[in-house]
């Protein structure tokens, strides 16, 4: 039980290192297809597409990590991102140090 909690906590921490959160992903799109799509804007280091163990389907959202901030800006400058007829929702992840998060919550 403690090991599972540690793995979940590590997963939450690692998501903070991603540049972009993508939602409304069609069920039929794979992480490989997402990497291919977003690679037109720059070098995709990582794409994390979580799956629901009970259903076997992905959860329709992912996190994308790029090599540089300029590549992130390239993605965000495009008006809309459409995959398989569905418009994706993008949100830039804000990287804050632990000391900044603590001072803002006080």
Protein backbone atom coordinates (compact mmCIF):
# COMPACT_ATOMS: atom_id res chain seq x y z
CA UNK A 1 0.00 0.00 0.00
CA UNK A 2 2.76 2.46 0.94
CA UNK A 3 4.65 1.60 -2.26
CA UNK A 4 1.57 2.36 -4.38
CA UNK A 5 1.13 5.72 -2.63
CA UNK A 6 4.79 6.56 -3.25
CA UNK A 7 4.41 5.75 -6.96
CA UNK A 8 1.30 7.97 -7.22
CA UNK A 9 3.07 10.83 -5.44
CA UNK A 10 6.08 10.53 -7.76
CA UNK A 11 3.72 10.61 -10.75
CA UNK A 12 2.10 13.82 -9.49
CA UNK A 13 5.51 15.44 -8.99
CA UNK A 14 6.71 14.41 -12.45
CA UNK A 15 3.64 15.99 -14.11
CA UNK A 16 4.82 19.37 -12.84
CA UNK A 17 7.83 19.02 -15.13
CA UNK A 18 5.70 18.94 -18.29
CA UNK A 19 5.18 22.00 -20.47
CA UNK A 20 1.65 21.51 -21.82
CA UNK A 21 -1.50 19.80 -20.61
CA UNK A 22 -3.72 18.54 -23.46
CA UNK A 23 -7.37 17.59 -22.95
CA UNK A 24 -10.30 16.41 -25.10
CA UNK A 25 -8.14 13.86 -26.93
CA UNK A 26 -10.22 11.47 -29.07
CA UNK A 27 -10.31 7.86 -27.79
CA UNK A 28 -8.73 6.63 -31.03
CA UNK A 29 -5.55 8.74 -30.75
CA UNK A 30 -2.43 7.07 -29.33
CA UNK A 31 0.59 8.59 -27.58
CA UNK A 32 2.61 7.89 -30.75
CA UNK A 33 0.16 9.94 -32.82
CA UNK A 34 0.25 12.76 -30.26
CA UNK A 35 4.05 12.82 -30.36
CA UNK A 36 3.98 12.89 -34.17
CA UNK A 37 1.44 15.73 -34.22
CA UNK A 38 3.23 17.91 -31.66
CA UNK A 39 6.67 17.26 -33.19
CA UNK A 40 5.76 19.71 -35.97
CA UNK A 41 6.23 22.45 -33.36
CA UNK A 42 9.52 21.18 -31.95
CA UNK A 43 11.26 18.25 -30.34
CA UNK A 44 8.88 16.31 -28.09
CA UNK A 45 10.86 14.80 -25.23
CA UNK A 46 7.97 12.98 -23.60
CA UNK A 47 4.25 12.37 -23.92
CA UNK A 48 2.44 10.96 -20.89
CA UNK A 49 -1.01 9.60 -21.77
CA UNK A 50 -2.53 7.94 -18.67
CA UNK A 51 -4.78 4.92 -18.99
CA UNK A 52 -7.74 3.80 -16.91
CA UNK A 53 -6.94 0.27 -15.73
CA UNK A 54 -10.59 -0.67 -15.38
CA UNK A 55 -11.61 0.27 -18.94
CA UNK A 56 -8.30 -0.11 -20.77
CA UNK A 57 -8.85 3.22 -22.52
CA UNK A 58 -6.79 6.34 -22.07
CA UNK A 59 -8.30 9.14 -20.01
CA UNK A 60 -8.51 11.63 -22.92
CA UNK A 61 -5.78 13.91 -21.58
CA UNK A 62 -1.99 13.96 -21.59
CA UNK A 63 1.08 15.96 -20.69
CA UNK A 64 3.68 16.96 -23.29
CA UNK A 65 7.31 17.90 -22.59
CA UNK A 66 9.28 19.90 -25.18
CA UNK A 67 13.02 20.57 -25.43
CA UNK A 68 12.78 24.36 -25.17
CA UNK A 69 10.41 27.19 -24.15
CA UNK A 70 10.42 28.44 -27.77
CA UNK A 71 8.86 25.17 -28.90
CA UNK A 72 6.13 25.54 -26.28
CA UNK A 73 5.40 29.04 -27.60
CA UNK A 74 5.18 27.62 -31.15
CA UNK A 75 2.42 25.28 -30.00
CA UNK A 76 0.53 27.95 -28.07
CA UNK A 77 0.64 30.45 -30.95
CA UNK A 78 -1.50 28.20 -33.16
CA UNK A 79 -5.19 29.08 -32.83
CA UNK A 80 -6.60 25.57 -32.68
CA UNK A 81 -5.29 22.04 -32.66
CA UNK A 82 -7.52 19.41 -34.26
CA UNK A 83 -6.94 15.66 -34.28
CA UNK A 84 -9.37 13.27 -35.94
CA UNK A 85 -12.02 15.99 -36.10
CA UNK A 86 -11.83 16.91 -32.40
CA UNK A 87 -10.50 20.22 -31.12
CA UNK A 88 -7.87 19.72 -28.43
CA UNK A 89 -7.78 21.92 -25.34
CA UNK A 90 -4.27 23.06 -24.38
CA UNK A 91 -3.06 24.63 -21.18
CA UNK A 92 0.50 25.68 -20.44
CA UNK A 93 1.90 24.18 -17.26
CA UNK A 94 3.51 26.72 -14.96
CA UNK A 95 6.86 25.65 -13.55
CA UNK A 96 7.27 26.97 -10.03
CA UNK A 97 9.83 26.10 -7.46
CA UNK A 98 8.66 24.59 -4.21
CA UNK A 99 9.56 27.79 -2.33
CA UNK A 100 7.37 29.85 -4.70
CA UNK A 101 4.38 27.52 -4.24
CA UNK A 102 4.71 27.66 -0.47
CA UNK A 103 4.88 31.47 -0.31
CA UNK A 104 1.87 31.84 -2.62
CA UNK A 105 -0.31 29.55 -0.52
CA UNK A 106 0.33 31.50 2.68
